[in-house]
Protein backbone atom coordinates (compact mmCIF):
# COMPACT_ATOMS: atom_id res chain seq x y z
CA TRP A 1 89.90 90.30 98.75
CA LEU A 2 91.94 93.50 98.44
CA VAL A 3 94.77 93.59 99.47
CA LEU A 4 97.37 96.87 99.94
CA SER A 5 100.87 97.20 101.05
CA GLY A 6 103.79 98.84 100.85
CA LEU A 7 101.75 101.36 102.91
CA ARG A 8 103.51 104.18 105.68
CA PRO A 9 101.75 104.08 109.21
CA GLU A 10 99.94 107.91 108.27
CA GLN A 11 97.92 106.41 104.89
CA VAL A 12 95.73 103.77 107.06
CA GLU A 13 93.21 105.85 108.32
CA VAL A 14 92.80 108.13 105.18
CA ILE A 15 92.69 105.00 102.87
CA LYS A 16 90.37 102.67 105.04
CA LYS A 17 88.07 105.84 105.41
CA LYS A 18 87.87 106.45 101.46
CA TYR A 19 86.75 102.89 101.02
CA GLY A 20 84.26 103.30 102.84
CA LYS A 21 81.60 100.95 104.24
CA ASN A 22 82.92 99.57 100.46
CA VAL A 23 86.02 96.47 102.48
CA GLN A 24 85.72 95.37 105.50
CA TRP A 25 88.83 95.04 106.73
CA GLU A 26 90.70 92.17 108.43
CA GLU A 27 91.80 93.08 111.66
CA GLY A 28 94.05 90.17 112.33
CA LEU A 29 95.78 90.24 108.72
CA GLU A 30 96.57 93.71 109.10
CA ARG A 31 100.43 93.83 109.15
CA VAL A 32 102.98 96.84 110.53
CA GLU A 33 106.04 95.81 109.93
CA GLU A 34 109.98 97.98 110.20
CA VAL A 35 112.13 97.00 106.69
CA ARG A 36 115.20 97.48 106.22
CA ASN A 37 118.02 97.80 103.29
CA PRO A 38 120.07 95.10 103.12
CA THR A 39 122.63 97.24 100.94
CA PHE A 40 122.81 100.26 102.95
CA GLY A 41 122.12 98.32 106.61
CA THR A 42 119.53 101.54 107.60
CA GLY A 43 116.36 101.19 108.64
CA ALA A 44 113.63 101.44 105.35
CA GLY A 45 111.11 102.33 107.75
CA LEU A 46 107.58 100.94 108.54
CA TRP A 47 105.32 99.88 106.23
CA VAL A 48 101.75 98.03 106.48
CA ARG A 49 99.50 95.35 104.95
CA LEU A 50 95.89 95.61 104.86
CA VAL A 51 93.55 92.69 103.85
CA GLY A 52 89.89 93.23 103.77
CA ARG A 53 86.77 92.07 101.31
CA ARG A 54 84.57 93.28 99.46
CA VAL A 55 80.72 94.63 100.39
CA HIS A 56 78.04 93.73 97.75
CA ALA A 57 77.71 97.32 96.82
CA GLU A 58 76.40 99.26 93.60
CA ARG A 59 79.02 100.49 91.74
CA TRP A 60 81.62 98.87 94.56
CA VAL A 61 84.61 99.25 91.19
CA GLU A 62 84.14 102.74 90.14
CA MET A 63 84.18 103.45 94.08
CA LEU A 64 87.37 101.30 94.69
CA SER A 65 88.86 102.79 91.04
CA GLU A 66 88.11 106.09 92.88
CA ALA A 67 89.50 106.14 96.32
CA ALA A 68 93.09 104.53 94.61
CA VAL A 69 93.83 107.47 92.58
CA SER A 70 92.16 109.70 94.68
């Protein structure tokens, strides 16, 4: 399993594209939530959680690591 959270909505498609066919995303577990800042009472905006499963592929660890840092 791979869980990525704290993502901005505009990052989602870029991330999914970077991970490519190495991860099968679980659409039912994807979550978009509006976060509020309790201290200041202002919105921190929308944040996304992605959940996926590794698809067996050669070099998958290296490929995912390269995708995460690029």
